[in-house]
Amino acid sequence: MAGYRKRTVILVISLIALIGLVGCGPSGNKQDSNKKLTKEEKIDKGLDAFYNMRNGKIHIDTNLHYVNNKIENEQEREKDLNNTVDGSFEMGPLLFRGKIKQSIRGKIKQVKGSMEYYGTDLEEYRKEDKDKEWKQKMYAGNRYRLPVGFNKELIDILRTKKKDITIIQNKNSYTLHFETDDLKFLSANSDILFGAAYTTFYVNDLDESGKATVDLTVSKDGSKPISIKYSGNTVSSLGSKKFKSTVKYSKQDTGVRVNRPKGIDKAKGV
């Protein structure tokens, strides 16, 4: 009888241990697999997560502070431009033979007021609060400025800059940090780097100094794109600029669709 009870106790303990292993196994395996990856593999995994994202919700907060040395009035010399974007987006492969691959629809708040916004690789429409009808922004044509948070070409560039990327470990995510003060590089790629954050920040040949950073944060569980932070500053004889932008994603790859607004076919060009 005592032997039977002993075997029963051992069986129960073994069963509890097995259940514990089953419950903890997958999470532990995911963490272990992330730890075993090399630095380059982690970078590739993070960049792929953003590059392959197809749809979701987006929120962008952007601030551009600039000083114009040509203006004598001190109160007018310094200004802040703040933009906020809330919308739904779809992203696909890069534009190919005129076919729309990216689109976004939402609300944009600026210093002048707020407006409804709809844009694709090929066209851009706006409807301010005071307007009853949509207006098309003529000669938009710069798909790098579609406010989807980042341009796929940015990811392509970062793939060639892996040695300049550092990895910051967070509790449930990790961040790919890139920074540069190469003015020629920044001048040649300003639209690609910052345009999708819906800002007018850029670097040009007249700037005497400048720096920019890009931080892409990815979840450890499932490699889901979470956020992007941009920053930049330039100084020249004409003045200076400081730029900050935070992009946050939600409902990533859950089938979010962007529908073309009604009445847009009657939009007038501006």
C-alpha atoms as a PDB file:
ATOM      1  CA  MET A   1       0.000   0.000   0.000  1.00  0.00           C
ATOM      2  CA  ALA A   2       2.841   2.340   0.938  1.00  0.00           C
ATOM      3  CA  GLY A   3       4.570   1.542  -2.352  1.00  0.00           C
ATOM      4  CA  TYR A   4       1.410   2.375  -4.279  1.00  0.00           C
ATOM      5  CA  ARG A   5       1.079   5.750  -2.547  1.00  0.00           C
ATOM      6  CA  LYS A   6       4.733   6.523  -3.222  1.00  0.00           C
ATOM      7  CA  ARG A   7       4.326   5.782  -6.932  1.00  0.00           C
ATOM      8  CA  THR A   8       1.195   7.957  -7.015  1.00  0.00           C
ATOM      9  CA  VAL A   9       3.018  10.916  -5.439  1.00  0.00           C
ATOM     10  CA  ILE A  10       5.909  10.558  -7.890  1.00  0.00           C
ATOM     11  CA  LEU A  11       3.454  10.417 -10.809  1.00  0.00           C
ATOM     12  CA  VAL A  12       1.659  13.583  -9.634  1.00  0.00           C
ATOM     13  CA  ILE A  13       4.941  15.480  -9.186  1.00  0.00           C
ATOM     14  CA  SER A  14       6.118  14.398 -12.645  1.00  0.00           C
ATOM     15  CA  LEU A  15       2.821  15.509 -14.187  1.00  0.00           C
ATOM     16  CA  ILE A  16       3.036  18.951 -12.533  1.00  0.00           C
ATOM     17  CA  ALA A  17       6.615  19.364 -13.770  1.00  0.00           C
ATOM     18  CA  LEU A  18       5.579  18.379 -17.303  1.00  0.00           C
ATOM     19  CA  ILE A  19       2.719  20.905 -17.298  1.00  0.00           C
ATOM     20  CA  GLY A  20       5.144  23.574 -16.126  1.00  0.00           C
ATOM     21  CA  LEU A  21       7.527  22.801 -18.966  1.00  0.00           C
ATOM     22  CA  VAL A  22       4.737  22.925 -21.534  1.00  0.00           C
ATOM     23  CA  GLY A  23       3.518  26.273 -20.214  1.00  0.00           C
ATOM     24  CA  CYS A  24       6.940  27.905 -20.103  1.00  0.00           C
ATOM     25  CA  GLY A  25       8.497  26.210 -23.097  1.00  0.00           C
ATOM     26  CA  PRO A  26       7.415  28.382 -26.038  1.00  0.00           C
ATOM     27  CA  SER A  27       8.193  31.703 -24.328  1.00  0.00           C
ATOM     28  CA  GLY A  28      11.548  30.443 -23.141  1.00  0.00           C
ATOM     29  CA  ASN A  29      12.365  29.077 -26.582  1.00  0.00           C
ATOM     30  CA  LYS A  30      11.569  32.444 -28.184  1.00  0.00           C
ATOM     31  CA  GLN A  31      13.798  34.276 -25.735  1.00  0.00           C
ATOM     32  CA  ASP A  32      16.587  31.747 -26.203  1.00  0.00           C
ATOM     33  CA  SER A  33      16.315  31.983 -29.997  1.00  0.00           C
ATOM     34  CA  ASN A  34      16.611  35.770 -29.795  1.00  0.00           C
ATOM     35  CA  LYS A  35      19.654  35.487 -27.529  1.00  0.00           C
ATOM     36  CA  LYS A  36      21.350  33.033 -29.880  1.00  0.00           C
ATOM     37  CA  LEU A  37      21.064  35.366 -32.870  1.00  0.00           C
ATOM     38  CA  THR A  38      24.187  37.273 -33.876  1.00  0.00           C
ATOM     39  CA  LYS A  39      24.133  41.075 -33.981  1.00  0.00           C
ATOM     40  CA  GLU A  40      23.773  41.055 -37.768  1.00  0.00           C
ATOM     41  CA  GLU A  41      20.944  38.512 -37.614  1.00  0.00           C
ATOM     42  CA  LYS A  42      19.071  40.642 -35.065  1.00  0.00           C
ATOM     43  CA  ILE A  43      19.496  43.702 -37.270  1.00  0.00           C
ATOM     44  CA  ASP A  44      18.230  41.791 -40.302  1.00  0.00           C
ATOM     45  CA  LYS A  45      15.252  40.494 -38.336  1.00  0.00           C
ATOM     46  CA  GLY A  46      14.330  43.993 -37.154  1.00  0.00           C
ATOM     47  CA  LEU A  47      14.711  45.606 -40.572  1.00  0.00           C
ATOM     48  CA  ASP A  48      12.702  42.807 -42.196  1.00  0.00           C
ATOM     49  CA  ALA A  49       9.899  43.367 -39.680  1.00  0.00           C
ATOM     50  CA  PHE A  50       9.429  46.939 -40.880  1.00  0.00           C
ATOM     51  CA  TYR A  51      10.047  46.224 -44.555  1.00  0.00           C
ATOM     52  CA  ASN A  52       7.454  43.434 -44.658  1.00  0.00           C
ATOM     53  CA  MET A  53       4.721  45.244 -42.697  1.00  0.00           C
ATOM     54  CA  ARG A  54       1.599  45.467 -44.855  1.00  0.00           C
ATOM     55  CA  ASN A  55      -1.106  47.439 -43.012  1.00  0.00           C
ATOM     56  CA  GLY A  56      -2.200  48.929 -39.724  1.00  0.00           C
ATOM     57  CA  LYS A  57      -2.906  52.127 -37.809  1.00  0.00           C
ATOM     58  CA  ILE A  58      -0.384  54.938 -37.431  1.00  0.00           C
ATOM     59  CA  HIS A  59       0.162  57.946 -35.162  1.00  0.00           C
ATOM     60  CA  ILE A  60       2.885  60.535 -35.862  1.00  0.00           C
ATOM     61  CA  ASP A  61       3.967  63.490 -33.712  1.00  0.00           C
ATOM     62  CA  THR A  62       6.493  65.820 -35.329  1.00  0.00           C
ATOM     63  CA  ASN A  63       8.187  69.017 -34.191  1.00  0.00           C
ATOM     64  CA  LEU A  64      10.457  71.220 -36.286  1.00  0.00           C
ATOM     65  CA  HIS A  65      12.115  74.179 -34.545  1.00  0.00           C
ATOM     66  CA  TYR A  66      13.999  76.547 -36.788  1.00  0.00           C
ATOM     67  CA  VAL A  67      15.886  79.830 -36.491  1.00  0.00           C
ATOM     68  CA  ASN A  68      16.162  82.165 -39.485  1.00  0.00           C
ATOM     69  CA  ASN A  69      19.150  84.487 -39.081  1.00  0.00           C
ATOM     70  CA  LYS A  70      17.948  86.689 -41.932  1.00  0.00           C
ATOM     71  CA  ILE A  71      14.953  87.910 -39.932  1.00  0.00           C
ATOM     72  CA  GLU A  72      15.810  90.814 -37.623  1.00  0.00           C
ATOM     73  CA  ASN A  73      12.698  90.584 -35.448  1.00  0.00           C
ATOM     74  CA  GLU A  74      13.639  88.171 -32.658  1.00  0.00           C
ATOM     75  CA  GLN A  75      10.037  87.065 -32.091  1.00  0.00           C
ATOM     76  CA  GLU A  76       9.657  86.055 -35.726  1.00  0.00           C
ATOM     77  CA  ARG A  77      13.144  84.629 -36.067  1.00  0.00           C
ATOM     78  CA  GLU A  78      12.318  81.432 -34.208  1.00  0.00           C
ATOM     79  CA  LYS A  79       9.336  79.240 -35.021  1.00  0.00           C
ATOM     80  CA  ASP A  80       7.965  75.798 -34.250  1.00  0.00           C
ATOM     81  CA  LEU A  81       6.060  73.679 -36.733  1.00  0.00           C
ATOM     82  CA  ASN A  82       4.069  70.841 -35.168  1.00  0.00           C
ATOM     83  CA  ASN A  83       2.261  68.133 -37.115  1.00  0.00           C
ATOM     84  CA  THR A  84       0.142  65.229 -35.909  1.00  0.00           C
ATOM     85  CA  VAL A  85      -1.010  62.393 -38.152  1.00  0.00           C
ATOM     86  CA  ASP A  86      -3.605  59.743 -37.268  1.00  0.00           C
ATOM     87  CA  GLY A  87      -4.607  57.284 -39.940  1.00  0.00           C
ATOM     88  CA  SER A  88      -4.901  53.848 -41.495  1.00  0.00           C
ATOM     89  CA  PHE A  89      -2.314  52.658 -43.998  1.00  0.00           C
ATOM     90  CA  GLU A  90      -1.517  49.937 -46.483  1.00  0.00           C
ATOM     91  CA  MET A  91       1.979  49.169 -47.727  1.00  0.00           C
ATOM     92  CA  GLY A  92       3.119  46.809 -50.431  1.00  0.00           C
ATOM     93  CA  PRO A  93       6.205  46.299 -52.580  1.00  0.00           C
ATOM     94  CA  LEU A  94       7.771  49.385 -54.113  1.00  0.00           C
ATOM     95  CA  LEU A  95       5.837  51.218 -56.830  1.00  0.00           C
ATOM     96  CA  PHE A  96       6.011  49.184 -60.034  1.00  0.00           C
ATOM     97  CA  ARG A  97       4.839  50.351 -63.458  1.00  0.00           C
ATOM     98  CA  GLY A  98       2.452  52.941 -62.104  1.00  0.00           C
ATOM     99  CA  LYS A  99       0.520  50.584 -59.825  1.00  0.00           C
ATOM    100  CA  ILE A 100      -0.402  51.949 -56.406  1.00  0.00           C
ATOM    101  CA  LYS A 101       1.434  50.072 -53.664  1.00  0.00           C
ATOM    102  CA  GLN A 102       1.069  52.409 -50.689  1.00  0.00           C
ATOM    103  CA  SER A 103      -1.862  54.428 -49.375  1.00  0.00           C
ATOM    104  CA  ILE A 104      -2.969  56.228 -46.232  1.00  0.00           C
ATOM    105  CA  ARG A 105      -6.140  57.921 -45.080  1.00  0.00           C
ATOM    106  CA  GLY A 106      -6.607  59.865 -41.895  1.00  0.00           C
ATOM    107  CA  LYS A 107      -6.496  63.181 -40.078  1.00  0.00           C
ATOM    108  CA  ILE A 108      -3.618  65.665 -39.992  1.00  0.00           C
ATOM    109  CA  LYS A 109      -3.310  68.514 -37.490  1.00  0.00           C
ATOM    110  CA  GLN A 110      -1.049  71.467 -38.238  1.00  0.00           C
ATOM    111  CA  VAL A 111      -0.494  75.015 -36.999  1.00  0.00           C
ATOM    112  CA  LYS A 112      -3.032  76.285 -39.536  1.00  0.00           C
ATOM    113  CA  GLY A 113      -5.686  73.774 -38.488  1.00  0.00           C
ATOM    114  CA  SER A 114      -6.711  70.199 -39.209  1.00  0.00           C
ATOM    115  CA  MET A 115      -7.703  68.368 -42.372  1.00  0.00           C
ATOM    116  CA  GLU A 116      -8.720  65.000 -43.717  1.00  0.00           C
ATOM    117  CA  TYR A 117      -6.012  63.410 -45.805  1.00  0.00           C
ATOM    118  CA  TYR A 118      -5.814  60.713 -48.454  1.00  0.00           C
ATOM    119  CA  GLY A 119      -2.623  59.880 -50.293  1.00  0.00           C
ATOM    120  CA  THR A 120      -1.023  57.190 -52.434  1.00  0.00           C
ATOM    121  CA  ASP A 121       2.226  56.748 -54.337  1.00  0.00           C
ATOM    122  CA  LEU A 122       0.709  58.743 -57.196  1.00  0.00           C
ATOM    123  CA  GLU A 123      -1.725  61.287 -55.742  1.00  0.00           C
ATOM    124  CA  GLU A 124      -2.528  63.418 -52.717  1.00  0.00           C
ATOM    125  CA  TYR A 125      -5.873  64.848 -51.572  1.00  0.00           C
ATOM    126  CA  ARG A 126      -6.853  67.107 -48.686  1.00  0.00           C
ATOM    127  CA  LYS A 127     -10.058  68.432 -47.170  1.00  0.00           C
ATOM    128  CA  GLU A 128      -9.663  71.101 -44.534  1.00  0.00           C
ATOM    129  CA  ASP A 129     -12.280  71.518 -41.814  1.00  0.00           C
ATOM    130  CA  LYS A 130     -13.724  74.552 -43.580  1.00  0.00           C
ATOM    131  CA  ASP A 131     -13.992  72.749 -46.925  1.00  0.00           C
ATOM    132  CA  LYS A 132     -16.976  70.755 -48.154  1.00  0.00           C
ATOM    133  CA  GLU A 133     -15.114  69.133 -51.031  1.00  0.00           C
ATOM    134  CA  TRP A 134     -11.777  67.433 -51.482  1.00  0.00           C
ATOM    135  CA  LYS A 135      -8.858  69.255 -53.116  1.00  0.00           C
ATOM    136  CA  GLN A 136      -6.036  67.594 -54.969  1.00  0.00           C
ATOM    137  CA  LYS A 137      -2.521  68.816 -54.355  1.00  0.00           C
ATOM    138  CA  MET A 138      -1.119  69.161 -57.853  1.00  0.00           C
ATOM    139  CA  TYR A 139       2.391  67.999 -58.698  1.00  0.00           C
ATOM    140  CA  ALA A 140       2.605  66.024 -55.457  1.00  0.00           C
ATOM    141  CA  GLY A 141       4.561  63.250 -57.122  1.00  0.00           C
ATOM    142  CA  ASN A 142       7.032  62.779 -54.262  1.00  0.00           C
ATOM    143  CA  ARG A 143       6.074  59.427 -52.788  1.00  0.00           C
ATOM    144  CA  TYR A 144       8.847  59.770 -50.212  1.00  0.00           C
ATOM    145  CA  ARG A 145       6.595  62.268 -48.403  1.00  0.00           C
ATOM    146  CA  LEU A 146       3.628  59.932 -47.988  1.00  0.00           C
ATOM    147  CA  PRO A 147       3.115  59.919 -44.170  1.00  0.00           C
ATOM    148  CA  VAL A 148       3.325  56.167 -43.548  1.00  0.00           C
ATOM    149  CA  GLY A 149       6.169  56.580 -41.042  1.00  0.00           C
ATOM    150  CA  PHE A 150       9.095  55.336 -43.121  1.00  0.00           C
ATOM    151  CA  ASN A 151      10.173  54.717 -46.683  1.00  0.00           C
ATOM    152  CA  LYS A 152      11.185  51.234 -47.754  1.00  0.00           C
ATOM    153  CA  GLU A 153      14.285  52.772 -49.321  1.00  0.00           C
ATOM    154  CA  LEU A 154      15.317  53.801 -45.795  1.00  0.00           C
ATOM    155  CA  ILE A 155      15.387  50.128 -44.842  1.00  0.00           C
ATOM    156  CA  ASP A 156      17.448  49.378 -47.955  1.00  0.00           C
ATOM    157  CA  ILE A 157      19.932  52.074 -46.922  1.00  0.00           C
ATOM    158  CA  LEU A 158      20.175  50.757 -43.365  1.00  0.00           C
ATOM    159  CA  ARG A 159      20.956  47.289 -44.710  1.00  0.00           C
ATOM    160  CA  THR A 160      24.167  48.807 -46.114  1.00  0.00           C
ATOM    161  CA  LYS A 161      24.950  50.578 -42.809  1.00  0.00           C
ATOM    162  CA  LYS A 162      24.824  47.614 -40.418  1.00  0.00           C
ATOM    163  CA  LYS A 163      28.232  48.422 -38.945  1.00  0.00           C
ATOM    164  CA  ASP A 164      26.850  51.806 -37.868  1.00  0.00           C
ATOM    165  CA  ILE A 165      23.778  50.314 -36.161  1.00  0.00           C
ATOM    166  CA  THR A 166      23.752  49.549 -32.443  1.00  0.00           C
ATOM    167  CA  ILE A 167      21.180  47.384 -30.645  1.00  0.00           C
ATOM    168  CA  ILE A 168      19.496  48.645 -27.483  1.00  0.00           C
ATOM    169  CA  GLN A 169      17.793  45.929 -25.432  1.00  0.00           C
ATOM    170  CA  ASN A 170      14.480  46.794 -23.765  1.00  0.00           C
ATOM    171  CA  LYS A 171      12.307  44.561 -21.562  1.00  0.00           C
ATOM    172  CA  ASN A 172       9.950  43.286 -24.266  1.00  0.00           C
ATOM    173  CA  SER A 173      11.535  44.833 -27.348  1.00  0.00           C
ATOM    174  CA  TYR A 174      14.810  45.938 -28.864  1.00  0.00           C
ATOM    175  CA  THR A 175      15.778  49.090 -30.745  1.00  0.00           C
ATOM    176  CA  LEU A 176      17.996  49.474 -33.795  1.00  0.00           C
ATOM    177  CA  HIS A 177      19.825  52.792 -33.349  1.00  0.00           C
ATOM    178  CA  PHE A 178      21.465  54.531 -36.306  1.00  0.00           C
ATOM    179  CA  GLU A 179      23.100  57.937 -36.310  1.00  0.00           C
ATOM    180  CA  THR A 180      25.312  59.885 -38.677  1.00  0.00           C
ATOM    181  CA  ASP A 181      26.841  63.322 -39.148  1.00  0.00           C
ATOM    182  CA  ASP A 182      27.804  62.703 -42.778  1.00  0.00           C
ATOM    183  CA  LEU A 183      26.395  65.842 -44.431  1.00  0.00           C
ATOM    184  CA  LYS A 184      26.801  64.539 -47.977  1.00  0.00           C
ATOM    185  CA  PHE A 185      24.880  61.393 -47.116  1.00  0.00           C
ATOM    186  CA  LEU A 186      22.136  63.347 -45.314  1.00  0.00           C
ATOM    187  CA  SER A 187      21.839  65.903 -48.100  1.00  0.00           C
ATOM    188  CA  ALA A 188      21.462  63.190 -50.744  1.00  0.00           C
ATOM    189  CA  ASN A 189      18.897  61.189 -48.759  1.00  0.00           C
ATOM    190  CA  SER A 190      16.843  63.684 -46.717  1.00  0.00           C
ATOM    191  CA  ASP A 191      13.528  62.854 -48.417  1.00  0.00           C
ATOM    192  CA  ILE A 192      14.054  59.123 -48.042  1.00  0.00           C
ATOM    193  CA  LEU A 193      15.139  59.408 -44.407  1.00  0.00           C
ATOM    194  CA  PHE A 194      12.571  61.881 -43.064  1.00  0.00           C
ATOM    195  CA  GLY A 195       9.856  62.484 -45.670  1.00  0.00           C
ATOM    196  CA  ALA A 196       7.476  59.777 -44.446  1.00  0.00           C
ATOM    197  CA  ALA A 197       7.322  61.463 -41.015  1.00  0.00           C
ATOM    198  CA  TYR A 198       5.468  64.360 -42.674  1.00  0.00           C
ATOM    199  CA  THR A 199       8.084  67.036 -42.075  1.00  0.00           C
ATOM    200  CA  THR A 200       9.884  69.720 -44.061  1.00  0.00           C
ATOM    201  CA  PHE A 201      13.205  68.943 -42.351  1.00  0.00           C
ATOM    202  CA  TYR A 202      16.072  68.448 -44.775  1.00  0.00           C
ATOM    203  CA  VAL A 203      19.836  68.795 -45.015  1.00  0.00           C
ATOM    204  CA  ASN A 204      21.486  70.665 -47.881  1.00  0.00           C
ATOM    205  CA  ASP A 205      24.924  71.698 -49.119  1.00  0.00           C
ATOM    206  CA  LEU A 206      24.742  75.054 -47.305  1.00  0.00           C
ATOM    207  CA  ASP A 207      24.659  73.409 -43.884  1.00  0.00           C
ATOM    208  CA  GLU A 208      27.967  73.618 -42.039  1.00  0.00           C
ATOM    209  CA  SER A 209      27.189  70.864 -39.558  1.00  0.00           C
ATOM    210  CA  GLY A 210      24.405  68.427 -38.868  1.00  0.00           C
ATOM    211  CA  LYS A 211      23.427  65.124 -37.349  1.00  0.00           C
ATOM    212  CA  ALA A 212      20.534  62.686 -37.592  1.00  0.00           C
ATOM    213  CA  THR A 213      19.346  59.597 -35.737  1.00  0.00           C
ATOM    214  CA  VAL A 214      16.847  56.855 -36.521  1.00  0.00           C
ATOM    215  CA  ASP A 215      15.555  54.415 -33.882  1.00  0.00           C
ATOM    216  CA  LEU A 216      13.426  51.463 -34.981  1.00  0.00           C
ATOM    217  CA  THR A 217      11.843  49.453 -32.166  1.00  0.00           C
ATOM    218  CA  VAL A 218      10.662  45.865 -32.654  1.00  0.00           C
ATOM    219  CA  SER A 219       8.925  43.490 -30.232  1.00  0.00           C
ATOM    220  CA  LYS A 220      10.940  40.478 -29.094  1.00  0.00           C
ATOM    221  CA  ASP A 221       7.853  38.300 -29.264  1.00  0.00           C
ATOM    222  CA  GLY A 222       6.837  37.967 -32.901  1.00  0.00           C
ATOM    223  CA  SER A 223       9.157  40.682 -34.273  1.00  0.00           C
ATOM    224  CA  LYS A 224       6.347  43.218 -34.593  1.00  0.00           C
ATOM    225  CA  PRO A 225       7.214  46.824 -35.621  1.00  0.00           C
ATOM    226  CA  ILE A 226       6.314  49.079 -32.681  1.00  0.00           C
ATOM    227  CA  SER A 227       7.698  52.554 -33.259  1.00  0.00           C
ATOM    228  CA  ILE A 228      10.231  54.805 -34.965  1.00  0.00           C
ATOM    229  CA  LYS A 229      11.934  57.869 -33.541  1.00  0.00           C
ATOM    230  CA  TYR A 230      13.692  60.400 -35.743  1.00  0.00           C
ATOM    231  CA  SER A 231      15.846  63.351 -34.744  1.00  0.00           C
ATOM    232  CA  GLY A 232      18.011  65.774 -36.661  1.00  0.00           C
ATOM    233  CA  ASN A 233      19.714  69.134 -36.441  1.00  0.00           C
ATOM    234  CA  THR A 234      21.622  71.420 -38.774  1.00  0.00           C
ATOM    235  CA  VAL A 235      23.541  74.681 -38.441  1.00  0.00           C
ATOM    236  CA  SER A 236      24.505  77.154 -41.162  1.00  0.00           C
ATOM    237  CA  SER A 237      25.097  80.875 -41.595  1.00  0.00           C
ATOM    238  CA  LEU A 238      21.422  81.174 -42.553  1.00  0.00           C
ATOM    239  CA  GLY A 239      20.154  79.645 -39.310  1.00  0.00           C
ATOM    240  CA  SER A 240      19.522  76.321 -37.610  1.00  0.00           C
ATOM    241  CA  LYS A 241      16.947  73.532 -37.535  1.00  0.00           C
ATOM    242  CA  LYS A 242      16.034  70.926 -34.923  1.00  0.00           C
ATOM    243  CA  PHE A 243      13.688  68.092 -35.756  1.00  0.00           C
ATOM    244  CA  LYS A 244      12.028  65.357 -33.695  1.00  0.00           C
ATOM    245  CA  SER A 245       9.402  62.852 -34.711  1.00  0.00           C
ATOM    246  CA  THR A 246       7.799  59.825 -33.069  1.00  0.00           C
ATOM    247  CA  VAL A 247       5.903  57.234 -35.105  1.00  0.00           C
ATOM    248  CA  LYS A 248       3.749  54.629 -33.356  1.00  0.00           C
ATOM    249  CA  TYR A 249       2.069  51.637 -34.994  1.00  0.00           C
ATOM    250  CA  SER A 250      -0.925  49.573 -33.885  1.00  0.00           C
ATOM    251  CA  LYS A 251      -3.078  46.797 -35.381  1.00  0.00           C
ATOM    252  CA  GLN A 252      -0.105  45.789 -37.501  1.00  0.00           C
ATOM    253  CA  ASP A 253      -0.948  43.315 -40.265  1.00  0.00           C
ATOM    254  CA  THR A 254      -4.516  42.728 -39.067  1.00  0.00           C
ATOM    255  CA  GLY A 255      -6.094  43.387 -42.464  1.00  0.00           C
ATOM    256  CA  VAL A 256      -6.650  47.145 -42.131  1.00  0.00           C
ATOM    257  CA  ARG A 257      -7.866  48.559 -45.453  1.00  0.00           C
ATOM    258  CA  VAL A 258      -7.671  52.082 -46.877  1.00  0.00           C
ATOM    259  CA  ASN A 259     -10.760  53.005 -48.879  1.00  0.00           C
ATOM    260  CA  ARG A 260     -10.791  55.765 -51.445  1.00  0.00           C
ATOM    261  CA  PRO A 261     -12.963  58.637 -50.081  1.00  0.00           C
ATOM    262  CA  LYS A 262     -16.280  59.455 -51.732  1.00  0.00           C
ATOM    263  CA  GLY A 263     -16.330  62.607 -53.834  1.00  0.00           C
ATOM    264  CA  ILE A 264     -12.618  62.519 -54.477  1.00  0.00           C
ATOM    265  CA  ASP A 265     -13.111  62.170 -58.232  1.00  0.00           C
ATOM    266  CA  LYS A 266     -14.545  65.702 -58.260  1.00  0.00           C
ATOM    267  CA  ALA A 267     -11.581  67.203 -56.415  1.00  0.00           C
ATOM    268  CA  LYS A 268     -10.136  70.450 -57.734  1.00  0.00           C
ATOM    269  CA  GLY A 269      -6.409  71.002 -58.049  1.00  0.00           C
ATOM    270  CA  VAL A 270      -4.615  73.473 -55.798  1.00  0.00           C
END
